[in-house]
N, C-alpha and C. Protein backbone atom coordinates (compact mmCIF):
# COMPACT_ATOMS: atom_id res chain seq x y z
N UNK A 1 -40.22 -33.43 -80.33
CA UNK A 1 -39.63 -33.79 -80.91
C UNK A 1 -41.02 -35.51 -81.11
N UNK A 2 -40.90 -35.21 -82.58
CA UNK A 2 -42.41 -36.31 -83.69
C UNK A 2 -41.89 -36.82 -84.20
N UNK A 3 -42.35 -38.25 -83.40
CA UNK A 3 -42.00 -39.31 -84.64
C UNK A 3 -43.28 -39.67 -85.45
N UNK A 4 -43.03 -40.21 -86.20
CA UNK A 4 -44.02 -40.60 -87.10
C UNK A 4 -44.68 -41.78 -86.40
N UNK A 5 -46.31 -41.88 -85.97
CA UNK A 5 -46.81 -43.05 -85.18
C UNK A 5 -47.04 -44.25 -86.38
N UNK A 6 -47.00 -44.04 -87.24
CA UNK A 6 -46.91 -45.38 -88.32
C UNK A 6 -45.36 -45.93 -88.06
N UNK A 7 -44.39 -45.43 -88.15
CA UNK A 7 -43.25 -45.92 -88.14
C UNK A 7 -43.30 -46.83 -87.00
N UNK A 8 -43.48 -47.76 -86.26
CA UNK A 8 -42.51 -48.25 -85.30
C UNK A 8 -41.70 -49.60 -85.43
N UNK A 9 -42.05 -50.77 -84.52
CA UNK A 9 -40.66 -51.12 -84.45
C UNK A 9 -41.31 -52.42 -85.69
N UNK A 10 -42.63 -52.90 -85.38
CA UNK A 10 -43.16 -53.39 -86.81
C UNK A 10 -42.40 -53.44 -87.94
N UNK A 11 -42.42 -52.25 -88.37
CA UNK A 11 -41.80 -51.72 -89.46
C UNK A 11 -40.69 -52.51 -89.76
N UNK A 12 -39.92 -52.21 -89.03
CA UNK A 12 -38.81 -52.98 -89.01
C UNK A 12 -38.41 -54.24 -89.23
N UNK A 13 -39.23 -54.57 -88.31
CA UNK A 13 -39.78 -56.52 -88.62
C UNK A 13 -40.13 -56.92 -89.55
N UNK A 14 -41.05 -56.57 -90.36
CA UNK A 14 -41.43 -56.25 -91.10
C UNK A 14 -40.28 -56.66 -92.76
N UNK A 15 -39.42 -55.79 -91.99
CA UNK A 15 -38.59 -55.70 -93.18
C UNK A 15 -37.48 -56.61 -93.30
N UNK A 16 -37.20 -56.88 -91.71
CA UNK A 16 -36.62 -58.52 -91.76
C UNK A 16 -35.40 -58.38 -90.83
N UNK A 17 -35.93 -57.28 -89.41
CA UNK A 17 -35.50 -57.13 -88.43
C UNK A 17 -35.71 -58.20 -88.13
N UNK A 18 -34.55 -58.69 -86.91
CA UNK A 18 -34.73 -60.02 -86.18
C UNK A 18 -34.21 -59.16 -84.52
N UNK A 19 -35.95 -59.58 -83.73
CA UNK A 19 -35.66 -59.39 -82.19
C UNK A 19 -34.93 -59.86 -81.33
N UNK A 20 -33.64 -59.97 -81.12
CA UNK A 20 -32.71 -60.64 -80.43
C UNK A 20 -32.18 -60.70 -79.11
N UNK A 21 -32.41 -59.44 -78.52
CA UNK A 21 -32.21 -59.72 -77.17
C UNK A 21 -32.91 -58.28 -76.64
N UNK A 22 -32.07 -58.28 -75.78
CA UNK A 22 -31.98 -56.52 -74.53
C UNK A 22 -30.87 -56.76 -74.25
N UNK A 23 -30.88 -54.91 -73.80
CA UNK A 23 -29.97 -54.39 -72.83
C UNK A 23 -30.34 -54.58 -71.35
N UNK A 24 -29.34 -54.89 -70.85
CA UNK A 24 -29.49 -55.08 -69.00
C UNK A 24 -27.90 -54.56 -68.41
N UNK A 25 -27.85 -54.25 -67.03
CA UNK A 25 -27.32 -53.96 -66.35
C UNK A 25 -26.04 -55.11 -66.57
N UNK A 26 -24.44 -54.54 -66.19
CA UNK A 26 -23.59 -55.78 -66.05
C UNK A 26 -22.73 -54.96 -65.13
N UNK A 27 -23.34 -55.05 -63.47
CA UNK A 27 -22.33 -54.34 -62.56
C UNK A 27 -22.52 -52.50 -62.78
N UNK A 28 -21.15 -51.93 -63.28
CA UNK A 28 -21.93 -50.25 -63.37
C UNK A 28 -22.03 -49.85 -64.42
N UNK A 29 -21.60 -51.58 -65.45
CA UNK A 29 -21.83 -50.98 -67.11
C UNK A 29 -22.86 -51.27 -67.08
N UNK A 30 -23.83 -51.96 -68.86
CA UNK A 30 -24.49 -52.19 -69.36
C UNK A 30 -23.70 -53.47 -69.98
N UNK A 31 -24.50 -54.42 -70.35
CA UNK A 31 -24.79 -55.40 -71.49
C UNK A 31 -25.84 -56.13 -71.99
N UNK A 32 -25.53 -56.92 -72.97
CA UNK A 32 -26.86 -57.31 -73.48
C UNK A 32 -26.80 -58.62 -73.29
N UNK A 33 -28.17 -59.35 -73.33
CA UNK A 33 -28.52 -60.81 -73.22
C UNK A 33 -29.16 -61.24 -74.61
N UNK A 34 -28.76 -61.73 -75.37
CA UNK A 34 -29.45 -62.71 -76.36
C UNK A 34 -30.54 -63.71 -75.62
N UNK A 35 -32.13 -63.35 -76.00
CA UNK A 35 -32.99 -63.99 -75.25
C UNK A 35 -34.41 -64.07 -76.40
N UNK A 36 -33.53 -63.80 -77.54
CA UNK A 36 -34.92 -63.94 -78.74
C UNK A 36 -35.03 -65.58 -79.04
N UNK A 37 -35.99 -66.11 -79.97
CA UNK A 37 -36.57 -66.90 -80.05
C UNK A 37 -35.69 -68.16 -80.10
N UNK A 38 -34.32 -67.63 -81.75
CA UNK A 38 -33.28 -68.35 -81.76
C UNK A 38 -32.13 -67.87 -81.33
N UNK A 39 -31.19 -68.30 -80.18
CA UNK A 39 -30.58 -67.72 -79.93
C UNK A 39 -29.59 -67.86 -80.42
N UNK A 40 -29.06 -69.09 -80.76
CA UNK A 40 -27.82 -69.81 -81.33
C UNK A 40 -27.42 -68.90 -82.86
N UNK A 41 -28.97 -68.55 -84.11
CA UNK A 41 -28.85 -68.56 -84.88
C UNK A 41 -28.54 -66.55 -84.76
N UNK A 42 -28.92 -66.47 -83.75
CA UNK A 42 -29.05 -64.73 -83.46
C UNK A 42 -27.12 -64.18 -83.11
N UNK A 43 -26.74 -65.37 -82.10
CA UNK A 43 -25.43 -64.97 -82.49
C UNK A 43 -24.82 -65.11 -83.26
N UNK A 44 -24.83 -66.01 -84.19
CA UNK A 44 -24.08 -65.59 -85.44
C UNK A 44 -24.50 -64.71 -86.45
N UNK A 45 -26.10 -63.52 -86.05
CA UNK A 45 -25.93 -62.66 -86.44
C UNK A 45 -24.98 -61.64 -86.07
N UNK A 46 -24.56 -61.70 -84.90
CA UNK A 46 -23.67 -60.50 -84.55
C UNK A 46 -22.05 -60.54 -84.97
N UNK A 47 -21.99 -61.59 -85.58
CA UNK A 47 -20.49 -61.39 -86.30
C UNK A 47 -20.50 -61.12 -87.67
N UNK A 48 -21.70 -61.12 -88.30
CA UNK A 48 -21.79 -60.32 -89.72
C UNK A 48 -21.69 -58.84 -89.83
N UNK A 49 -20.68 -58.77 -91.27
CA UNK A 49 -20.43 -57.17 -91.77
C UNK A 49 -21.26 -56.72 -91.64
N UNK A 50 -21.19 -55.41 -91.65
CA UNK A 50 -22.54 -54.66 -92.52
C UNK A 50 -23.91 -54.59 -92.36
N UNK A 51 -23.91 -54.70 -90.51
CA UNK A 51 -25.21 -55.11 -90.50
C UNK A 51 -25.69 -53.63 -89.53
N UNK A 52 -26.95 -53.83 -89.57
CA UNK A 52 -28.20 -52.60 -88.68
C UNK A 52 -28.49 -53.06 -87.57
N UNK A 53 -28.65 -52.55 -86.92
CA UNK A 53 -28.90 -52.39 -85.34
C UNK A 53 -29.95 -51.33 -85.07
N UNK A 54 -31.05 -51.92 -84.28
CA UNK A 54 -31.62 -50.55 -83.65
C UNK A 54 -32.19 -51.12 -82.06
N UNK A 55 -32.62 -50.03 -81.48
CA UNK A 55 -32.30 -50.35 -80.18
C UNK A 55 -34.39 -49.25 -79.71
N UNK A 56 -35.16 -50.31 -79.02
CA UNK A 56 -36.41 -50.21 -79.30
C UNK A 56 -36.80 -50.22 -77.86
N UNK A 57 -37.78 -49.35 -77.93
CA UNK A 57 -38.26 -49.23 -76.19
C UNK A 57 -40.20 -48.96 -76.55
N UNK A 58 -40.63 -50.31 -76.32
CA UNK A 58 -41.95 -50.81 -76.80
C UNK A 58 -42.07 -50.97 -77.93
N UNK A 59 -43.17 -49.72 -78.53
CA UNK A 59 -43.36 -50.17 -79.95
C UNK A 59 -42.41 -49.16 -80.74
N UNK A 60 -41.63 -47.86 -79.75
CA UNK A 60 -41.07 -47.35 -80.16
C UNK A 60 -39.86 -47.41 -81.08
N UNK A 61 -38.85 -46.65 -81.62
CA UNK A 61 -37.38 -47.20 -82.03
C UNK A 61 -36.77 -45.82 -81.67
N UNK A 62 -35.70 -46.67 -80.96
CA UNK A 62 -34.75 -44.86 -80.10
C UNK A 62 -33.73 -44.85 -81.21
N UNK A 63 -33.27 -45.69 -81.24
CA UNK A 63 -32.01 -45.67 -82.15
C UNK A 63 -31.96 -46.67 -83.25
N UNK A 64 -31.04 -46.02 -84.58
CA UNK A 64 -30.65 -47.07 -85.34
C UNK A 64 -29.48 -46.75 -85.99
N UNK A 65 -28.45 -48.01 -86.19
CA UNK A 65 -27.49 -48.06 -86.09
C UNK A 65 -26.54 -48.95 -87.44
N UNK A 66 -25.33 -48.50 -87.73
CA UNK A 66 -25.41 -49.36 -88.53
C UNK A 66 -23.51 -50.05 -88.08
N UNK A 67 -23.26 -50.91 -88.59
CA UNK A 67 -21.70 -51.01 -88.40
C UNK A 67 -20.73 -52.04 -89.71
N UNK A 68 -19.86 -51.54 -89.64
CA UNK A 68 -18.94 -52.14 -91.04
C UNK A 68 -18.85 -53.57 -90.79
N UNK A 69 -18.20 -53.42 -89.34
CA UNK A 69 -16.98 -54.92 -89.31
C UNK A 69 -18.27 -55.63 -88.11
N UNK A 70 -18.60 -55.93 -86.64
CA UNK A 70 -19.94 -56.71 -86.34
C UNK A 70 -20.28 -55.90 -85.57
N UNK A 71 -21.68 -56.44 -85.25
CA UNK A 71 -22.35 -56.00 -84.15
C UNK A 71 -21.78 -56.06 -82.69
N UNK A 72 -20.97 -57.28 -82.60
CA UNK A 72 -20.38 -58.01 -81.17
C UNK A 72 -19.05 -56.76 -81.19
N UNK A 73 -18.66 -56.74 -81.99
CA UNK A 73 -17.52 -56.14 -81.93
C UNK A 73 -17.90 -54.23 -81.55
N UNK A 74 -19.13 -53.61 -82.22
CA UNK A 74 -20.02 -52.69 -82.66
C UNK A 74 -20.31 -52.61 -80.58
N UNK A 75 -21.12 -53.27 -79.99
CA UNK A 75 -21.28 -53.05 -78.78
C UNK A 75 -20.27 -53.03 -77.75
N UNK A 76 -19.17 -53.22 -77.94
CA UNK A 76 -17.80 -53.31 -76.85
C UNK A 76 -18.34 -51.93 -76.42
N UNK A 77 -18.33 -50.72 -77.60
CA UNK A 77 -18.44 -49.37 -77.70
C UNK A 77 -19.54 -48.72 -76.74
N UNK A 78 -20.58 -49.53 -76.97
CA UNK A 78 -21.64 -49.09 -75.73
C UNK A 78 -21.45 -49.66 -74.63
N UNK A 79 -20.74 -50.53 -74.61
CA UNK A 79 -21.20 -51.06 -72.62
C UNK A 79 -19.80 -50.43 -72.31
N UNK A 80 -19.02 -50.06 -72.93
CA UNK A 80 -17.61 -49.05 -72.18
C UNK A 80 -17.29 -48.26 -72.98
N UNK A 81 -18.47 -47.22 -73.37
CA UNK A 81 -17.84 -45.87 -73.76
C UNK A 81 -16.21 -45.36 -73.44
N UNK A 82 -15.83 -44.60 -74.52
CA UNK A 82 -14.72 -44.03 -74.16
C UNK A 82 -14.67 -42.69 -74.13
N UNK A 83 -14.31 -41.77 -73.50
CA UNK A 83 -14.72 -40.17 -73.07
C UNK A 83 -15.02 -40.00 -74.31
N UNK A 84 -14.29 -39.95 -75.82
CA UNK A 84 -14.45 -39.15 -76.72
C UNK A 84 -15.57 -39.50 -77.65
N UNK A 85 -16.02 -40.52 -77.13
CA UNK A 85 -17.09 -41.31 -78.10
C UNK A 85 -18.37 -40.61 -77.93
N UNK A 86 -18.93 -39.73 -78.37
CA UNK A 86 -19.91 -39.09 -78.25
C UNK A 86 -21.16 -39.80 -78.50
N UNK A 87 -21.46 -40.33 -79.80
CA UNK A 87 -22.70 -41.59 -79.43
C UNK A 87 -22.48 -42.65 -78.75
N UNK A 88 -21.45 -43.34 -78.40
CA UNK A 88 -21.42 -44.56 -77.68
C UNK A 88 -21.94 -43.96 -76.19
N UNK A 89 -21.51 -42.86 -75.81
CA UNK A 89 -21.76 -42.04 -74.43
C UNK A 89 -23.24 -42.03 -74.27
N UNK A 90 -23.61 -41.16 -75.09
CA UNK A 90 -24.88 -40.99 -75.33
C UNK A 90 -25.98 -42.49 -75.20
N UNK A 91 -26.18 -43.13 -76.09
CA UNK A 91 -26.52 -43.98 -76.09
C UNK A 91 -26.10 -45.28 -74.41
N UNK A 92 -24.91 -44.91 -74.59
CA UNK A 92 -24.64 -45.83 -73.45
C UNK A 92 -25.66 -45.36 -72.07
N UNK A 93 -25.54 -43.43 -71.77
CA UNK A 93 -26.67 -43.34 -71.31
C UNK A 93 -27.69 -43.12 -70.54
N UNK A 94 -28.20 -43.16 -72.26
CA UNK A 94 -29.73 -43.40 -72.65
C UNK A 94 -30.17 -45.20 -71.99
N UNK A 95 -29.25 -45.81 -72.68
CA UNK A 95 -30.09 -46.75 -72.09
C UNK A 95 -29.90 -47.44 -70.83
N UNK A 96 -29.00 -46.82 -70.33
CA UNK A 96 -28.72 -46.90 -68.69
C UNK A 96 -29.93 -46.26 -67.83
N UNK A 97 -30.59 -45.19 -68.38
CA UNK A 97 -31.34 -44.78 -67.53
C UNK A 97 -32.90 -45.17 -68.02
N UNK A 98 -32.91 -45.87 -69.17
CA UNK A 98 -34.33 -46.83 -68.85
C UNK A 98 -34.27 -48.17 -68.33
N UNK A 99 -33.00 -48.65 -67.96
CA UNK A 99 -32.97 -49.79 -67.50
C UNK A 99 -33.48 -49.03 -65.80
N UNK A 100 -32.63 -47.87 -65.80
CA UNK A 100 -33.70 -47.88 -64.25
C UNK A 100 -34.45 -47.14 -63.73
N UNK A 101 -35.39 -47.18 -65.15
CA UNK A 101 -36.38 -46.74 -64.91
C UNK A 101 -37.58 -48.09 -65.25
N UNK A 102 -36.79 -49.02 -65.21
CA UNK A 102 -37.53 -50.67 -65.38
C UNK A 102 -38.31 -50.72 -66.97
N UNK A 103 -36.87 -49.76 -67.75
CA UNK A 103 -38.25 -50.19 -69.17
C UNK A 103 -37.12 -50.83 -69.94
N UNK A 104 -37.80 -51.93 -70.48
CA UNK A 104 -37.16 -52.64 -71.17
C UNK A 104 -36.19 -51.72 -72.78
N UNK A 105 -35.35 -52.10 -73.21
CA UNK A 105 -34.76 -51.60 -74.13
C UNK A 105 -34.15 -52.98 -75.10
N UNK A 106 -34.76 -53.16 -76.02
CA UNK A 106 -35.19 -54.27 -77.00
C UNK A 106 -33.97 -54.23 -78.04
N UNK A 107 -33.61 -55.25 -78.93
CA UNK A 107 -32.02 -54.89 -79.67
C UNK A 107 -32.49 -55.41 -81.25
N UNK A 108 -33.12 -55.10 -81.73
CA UNK A 108 -33.28 -55.50 -83.41
C UNK A 108 -32.09 -55.27 -84.08
N UNK A 109 -31.78 -56.42 -85.12
CA UNK A 109 -30.68 -56.84 -85.77
C UNK A 109 -31.04 -57.15 -87.15
N UNK A 110 -30.48 -56.65 -88.34
CA UNK A 110 -30.90 -57.05 -89.45
C UNK A 110 -29.40 -57.26 -89.94
N UNK A 111 -29.29 -58.28 -90.75
CA UNK A 111 -28.25 -58.82 -91.58
C UNK A 111 -28.50 -58.90 -93.05
N UNK A 112 -27.79 -58.34 -94.23
CA UNK A 112 -28.51 -58.43 -95.09
C UNK A 112 -28.03 -59.74 -95.88
N UNK A 113 -29.16 -60.11 -96.24
CA UNK A 113 -29.12 -61.82 -96.65
C UNK A 113 -28.22 -62.02 -98.32
N UNK A 114 -29.22 -60.83 -98.86
CA UNK A 114 -29.20 -61.11 -100.65
C UNK A 114 -28.05 -60.34 -100.63
N UNK A 115 -27.09 -59.86 -101.35
CA UNK A 115 -26.25 -58.85 -102.21
C UNK A 115 -26.80 -59.05 -103.50
N UNK A 116 -26.83 -56.98 -103.78
CA UNK A 116 -27.39 -56.21 -104.61
C UNK A 116 -26.39 -56.00 -104.81
N UNK A 117 -26.28 -55.65 -106.59
CA UNK A 117 -25.34 -55.28 -107.37
C UNK A 117 -25.55 -54.25 -107.82
N UNK A 118 -25.27 -53.44 -108.53
CA UNK A 118 -25.19 -51.71 -109.56
C UNK A 118 -24.00 -51.96 -110.43
N UNK A 119 -24.85 -52.60 -111.82
CA UNK A 119 -23.61 -53.35 -112.65
C UNK A 119 -22.57 -54.18 -112.09
N UNK A 120 -21.42 -53.70 -112.09
CA UNK A 120 -20.16 -55.31 -111.53
C UNK A 120 -20.52 -54.78 -110.22
N UNK A 121 -20.50 -53.45 -109.43
CA UNK A 121 -20.10 -53.71 -108.00
C UNK A 121 -21.47 -54.60 -106.65
N UNK A 122 -21.00 -54.28 -105.60
CA UNK A 122 -21.88 -54.92 -104.70
C UNK A 122 -22.16 -53.70 -104.17
N UNK A 123 -23.74 -53.64 -103.25
CA UNK A 123 -24.04 -52.48 -103.18
C UNK A 123 -24.36 -52.99 -101.54
N UNK A 124 -23.82 -51.96 -100.49
CA UNK A 124 -24.07 -52.07 -99.33
C UNK A 124 -25.59 -52.13 -98.44
N UNK A 125 -26.68 -52.99 -98.87
CA UNK A 125 -27.72 -52.82 -98.67
C UNK A 125 -27.82 -52.04 -97.21
N UNK A 126 -27.04 -52.13 -95.96
CA UNK A 126 -26.92 -51.76 -94.69
C UNK A 126 -27.14 -50.26 -94.47
N UNK A 127 -25.72 -50.03 -95.37
CA UNK A 127 -25.54 -48.31 -95.39
C UNK A 127 -26.38 -47.27 -96.24
N UNK A 128 -26.68 -48.23 -97.17
CA UNK A 128 -28.59 -47.44 -97.84
C UNK A 128 -29.61 -47.20 -97.64
N UNK A 129 -29.52 -48.83 -96.60
CA UNK A 129 -30.99 -48.34 -95.73
C UNK A 129 -30.71 -47.47 -94.57
N UNK A 130 -29.42 -47.52 -93.84
CA UNK A 130 -29.65 -46.38 -92.44
C UNK A 130 -29.96 -45.34 -92.78
N UNK A 131 -29.56 -44.71 -93.79
CA UNK A 131 -29.90 -43.07 -94.12
C UNK A 131 -31.60 -43.07 -94.36
N UNK A 132 -31.58 -44.17 -95.60
CA UNK A 132 -33.83 -43.34 -95.22
C UNK A 132 -34.46 -43.92 -94.06
N UNK A 133 -33.81 -45.32 -93.42
CA UNK A 133 -34.48 -45.31 -92.03
C UNK A 133 -34.50 -44.25 -90.69
N UNK A 134 -32.96 -43.87 -90.54
CA UNK A 134 -32.96 -42.71 -90.21
C UNK A 134 -34.03 -41.54 -90.30
N UNK A 135 -33.65 -41.01 -91.51
CA UNK A 135 -34.78 -40.14 -92.06
C UNK A 135 -35.99 -39.75 -91.49
N UNK A 136 -36.27 -41.33 -91.65
CA UNK A 136 -38.21 -42.29 -92.06
C UNK A 136 -38.40 -41.64 -90.50
N UNK A 137 -38.19 -42.38 -89.57
CA UNK A 137 -37.99 -42.68 -88.18
C UNK A 137 -37.93 -41.83 -86.99
N UNK A 138 -36.94 -40.95 -87.73
CA UNK A 138 -36.32 -39.64 -86.70
C UNK A 138 -36.16 -40.07 -85.22
N UNK A 139 -35.10 -41.40 -85.22
CA UNK A 139 -34.93 -41.68 -83.78
C UNK A 139 -34.40 -40.66 -82.34
N UNK A 140 -35.08 -40.34 -81.72
CA UNK A 140 -34.50 -39.53 -80.83
C UNK A 140 -32.76 -39.93 -80.10
N UNK A 141 -32.71 -40.84 -80.22
CA UNK A 141 -31.16 -40.80 -80.04
C UNK A 141 -30.38 -40.93 -80.54
N UNK A 142 -30.58 -40.56 -82.29
CA UNK A 142 -29.47 -40.51 -82.80
C UNK A 142 -29.14 -38.82 -83.02
N UNK A 143 -27.76 -38.63 -83.12
CA UNK A 143 -27.74 -37.23 -83.47
C UNK A 143 -28.04 -36.70 -84.47
N UNK A 144 -27.94 -34.84 -83.95
CA UNK A 144 -28.62 -34.11 -84.78
C UNK A 144 -27.82 -33.78 -85.65
N UNK A 145 -28.21 -32.89 -86.64
CA UNK A 145 -27.29 -31.75 -87.79
C UNK A 145 -27.85 -30.69 -88.04
N UNK A 146 -28.56 -29.73 -87.56
CA UNK A 146 -29.38 -28.37 -87.91
C UNK A 146 -31.07 -28.93 -87.86
N UNK A 147 -31.20 -29.77 -86.74
CA UNK A 147 -32.77 -30.58 -86.45
C UNK A 147 -33.14 -31.58 -86.90
N UNK A 148 -32.24 -32.08 -88.32
CA UNK A 148 -32.38 -33.49 -89.11
C UNK A 148 -31.62 -34.57 -87.94
N UNK A 149 -32.44 -35.33 -87.68
CA UNK A 149 -31.38 -37.06 -87.62
C UNK A 149 -30.32 -37.12 -88.65
N UNK A 150 -29.43 -37.83 -87.81
CA UNK A 150 -28.31 -38.15 -88.61
C UNK A 150 -27.38 -39.05 -88.47
N UNK A 151 -26.93 -40.27 -89.23
CA UNK A 151 -26.01 -41.21 -88.79
C UNK A 151 -25.02 -41.30 -88.13
N UNK A 152 -24.35 -41.98 -87.62
CA UNK A 152 -23.66 -42.42 -86.50
C UNK A 152 -22.13 -41.80 -87.41
N UNK A 153 -21.76 -42.19 -88.27
CA UNK A 153 -20.83 -41.85 -89.24
C UNK A 153 -20.84 -39.86 -89.56
N UNK A 154 -21.95 -39.68 -90.00
CA UNK A 154 -22.31 -38.29 -90.23
C UNK A 154 -21.70 -37.32 -88.72
N UNK A 155 -22.17 -37.94 -87.84
CA UNK A 155 -22.15 -37.30 -86.73
C UNK A 155 -20.66 -37.04 -86.18
N UNK A 156 -19.75 -38.05 -86.46
CA UNK A 156 -18.40 -38.58 -86.58
C UNK A 156 -17.54 -37.47 -86.71
N UNK A 157 -18.20 -37.57 -88.60
CA UNK A 157 -17.39 -36.10 -89.69
C UNK A 157 -17.80 -34.74 -88.95
N UNK A 158 -18.76 -34.37 -88.22
CA UNK A 158 -19.46 -33.57 -87.48
C UNK A 158 -18.30 -32.96 -86.91
N UNK A 159 -18.18 -33.85 -85.96
CA UNK A 159 -17.34 -33.74 -84.92
C UNK A 159 -15.98 -33.40 -85.29
N UNK A 160 -15.35 -34.14 -86.11
CA UNK A 160 -13.88 -33.48 -86.76
C UNK A 160 -13.45 -32.31 -87.68
N UNK A 161 -15.21 -32.18 -88.20
CA UNK A 161 -15.02 -31.09 -88.72
C UNK A 161 -15.31 -29.54 -87.66
N UNK A 162 -16.02 -29.56 -86.53
CA UNK A 162 -15.70 -29.07 -85.47
C UNK A 162 -14.50 -28.34 -85.19
N UNK A 163 -14.16 -29.97 -84.73
CA UNK A 163 -12.46 -29.76 -84.15
C UNK A 163 -11.41 -29.91 -84.69
N UNK A 164 -11.92 -29.77 -86.13
CA UNK A 164 -10.05 -29.07 -87.07
C UNK A 164 -10.67 -27.49 -87.32
N UNK A 165 -12.07 -26.88 -86.86
CA UNK A 165 -12.30 -25.55 -86.17
C UNK A 165 -12.15 -24.67 -85.54
N UNK A 166 -12.15 -25.45 -84.60
CA UNK A 166 -11.71 -25.33 -83.02
C UNK A 166 -10.46 -25.50 -82.50
N UNK A 167 -9.26 -25.46 -83.95
CA UNK A 167 -7.90 -26.17 -82.78
C UNK A 167 -7.57 -24.95 -83.06
N UNK A 168 -7.64 -23.57 -83.75
CA UNK A 168 -7.08 -22.85 -83.46
C UNK A 168 -7.89 -21.50 -81.90
N UNK A 169 -9.10 -22.04 -81.60
CA UNK A 169 -9.80 -21.81 -80.36
C UNK A 169 -9.03 -22.89 -78.85
N UNK A 170 -9.52 -22.61 -77.82
CA UNK A 170 -9.25 -22.61 -76.62
C UNK A 170 -9.75 -24.67 -76.31
N UNK A 171 -9.16 -25.29 -76.37
CA UNK A 171 -9.75 -26.80 -76.27
C UNK A 171 -10.11 -26.91 -74.58
N UNK A 172 -11.33 -26.46 -74.88
CA UNK A 172 -12.00 -26.29 -73.35
C UNK A 172 -13.21 -27.62 -73.76
N UNK A 173 -13.94 -28.16 -74.70
CA UNK A 173 -14.34 -28.77 -74.94
C UNK A 173 -14.17 -30.39 -74.99
N UNK A 174 -14.85 -31.22 -74.08
CA UNK A 174 -14.47 -32.36 -74.04
C UNK A 174 -14.80 -33.45 -75.28
N UNK A 175 -14.99 -33.14 -76.26
CA UNK A 175 -15.27 -33.68 -77.38
C UNK A 175 -14.78 -33.11 -78.42
N UNK A 176 -13.60 -32.20 -77.90
CA UNK A 176 -12.23 -32.40 -78.83
C UNK A 176 -12.18 -32.84 -79.53
N UNK A 177 -11.41 -33.12 -80.86
CA UNK A 177 -10.53 -33.87 -81.63
C UNK A 177 -9.29 -33.65 -82.13
N UNK A 178 -8.32 -34.10 -81.41
CA UNK A 178 -7.11 -33.80 -81.66
C UNK A 178 -6.81 -34.47 -82.75
N UNK A 179 -5.93 -33.68 -83.82
CA UNK A 179 -5.69 -34.39 -85.15
C UNK A 179 -4.42 -35.21 -84.83
N UNK A 180 -4.21 -36.49 -85.69
CA UNK A 180 -2.88 -37.43 -85.35
C UNK A 180 -1.75 -36.66 -86.59
N UNK A 181 -0.77 -37.07 -86.25
CA UNK A 181 -0.20 -36.44 -86.78
C UNK A 181 -0.13 -37.10 -88.59
N UNK A 182 -0.39 -38.52 -88.64
CA UNK A 182 -0.69 -38.88 -90.03
C UNK A 182 -1.93 -38.54 -89.99
N UNK A 183 -2.95 -38.09 -89.52
CA UNK A 183 -3.90 -37.77 -90.12
C UNK A 183 -4.36 -37.93 -91.18
N UNK A 184 -5.33 -37.57 -91.77
CA UNK A 184 -6.03 -37.07 -92.82
C UNK A 184 -6.27 -35.63 -92.55
N UNK A 185 -6.68 -35.35 -91.52
CA UNK A 185 -6.48 -33.79 -91.68
C UNK A 185 -5.57 -32.53 -91.93
N UNK A 186 -4.34 -33.44 -91.80
CA UNK A 186 -3.18 -32.89 -92.36
C UNK A 186 -2.81 -32.91 -94.25
N UNK A 187 -3.61 -33.95 -95.06
CA UNK A 187 -3.48 -33.65 -96.14
C UNK A 187 -3.24 -32.44 -97.15
N UNK A 188 -2.67 -32.43 -98.16
CA UNK A 188 -3.02 -30.85 -98.35
C UNK A 188 -4.10 -31.20 -99.61
N UNK A 189 -4.56 -30.22 -100.01
CA UNK A 189 -5.38 -30.08 -100.79
C UNK A 189 -5.24 -28.97 -101.18
N UNK A 190 -5.21 -29.05 -103.11
CA UNK A 190 -4.78 -28.34 -103.98
C UNK A 190 -5.66 -27.56 -104.78
N UNK A 191 -6.74 -26.24 -104.44
CA UNK A 191 -7.95 -26.51 -104.89
C UNK A 191 -8.00 -25.06 -106.12
N UNK A 192 -8.67 -25.38 -106.75
CA UNK A 192 -8.48 -24.60 -108.13
C UNK A 192 -9.10 -22.93 -107.54
N UNK A 193 -9.02 -21.90 -108.94
CA UNK A 193 -9.24 -20.96 -108.43
C UNK A 193 -10.62 -20.64 -108.49
N UNK A 194 -11.70 -21.27 -108.81
CA UNK A 194 -12.63 -21.45 -109.07
C UNK A 194 -13.34 -21.52 -107.22
N UNK A 195 -12.75 -22.06 -106.39
CA UNK A 195 -13.30 -22.40 -105.14
C UNK A 195 -13.01 -21.09 -104.03
N UNK A 196 -12.22 -20.64 -104.81
CA UNK A 196 -12.24 -18.53 -104.06
C UNK A 196 -12.66 -17.59 -104.12
N UNK A 197 -13.54 -17.97 -105.54
CA UNK A 197 -14.75 -16.73 -105.73
C UNK A 197 -15.76 -16.48 -104.60
């Protein structure tokens, strides 16, 4: 797994990411401690929607993610992952393994201050940056599709697609996703004849 040595945690800090804290054990689970320079201001960052975050070991960026809601709500999934949450489970295991090796995993957070606009529309900077950063940094804890690192959202989409393909097959896989009756999986799409060529 080759990462670009030029792309380290400093690059993120220079972009405006803030080192807010670290992961630690909390009983059998994991938790995070805000021990950054300005812990009170960092508390506020945890509640901002459309934030980016990174998990960093030494100088190496291990994972880059985004939350549309808030980091505080997002991190509940890492602390106590559900059985079907692949990304949460993977990050949870990786963080726990690092802590057991006495390796510190730092948490970097980016909350867009300025609002970008395209014509009359506001642009979600976190969403746009996430794709570019993941492509450039190739973080080892991010999911993979055809060998390329992908966003958590893309990984979830991929799992849903695989899940719907597997519906005919036997339900062996733990990550199998059962469609809910009201789910978008059951929406009828009428395709034009060009789709069948």
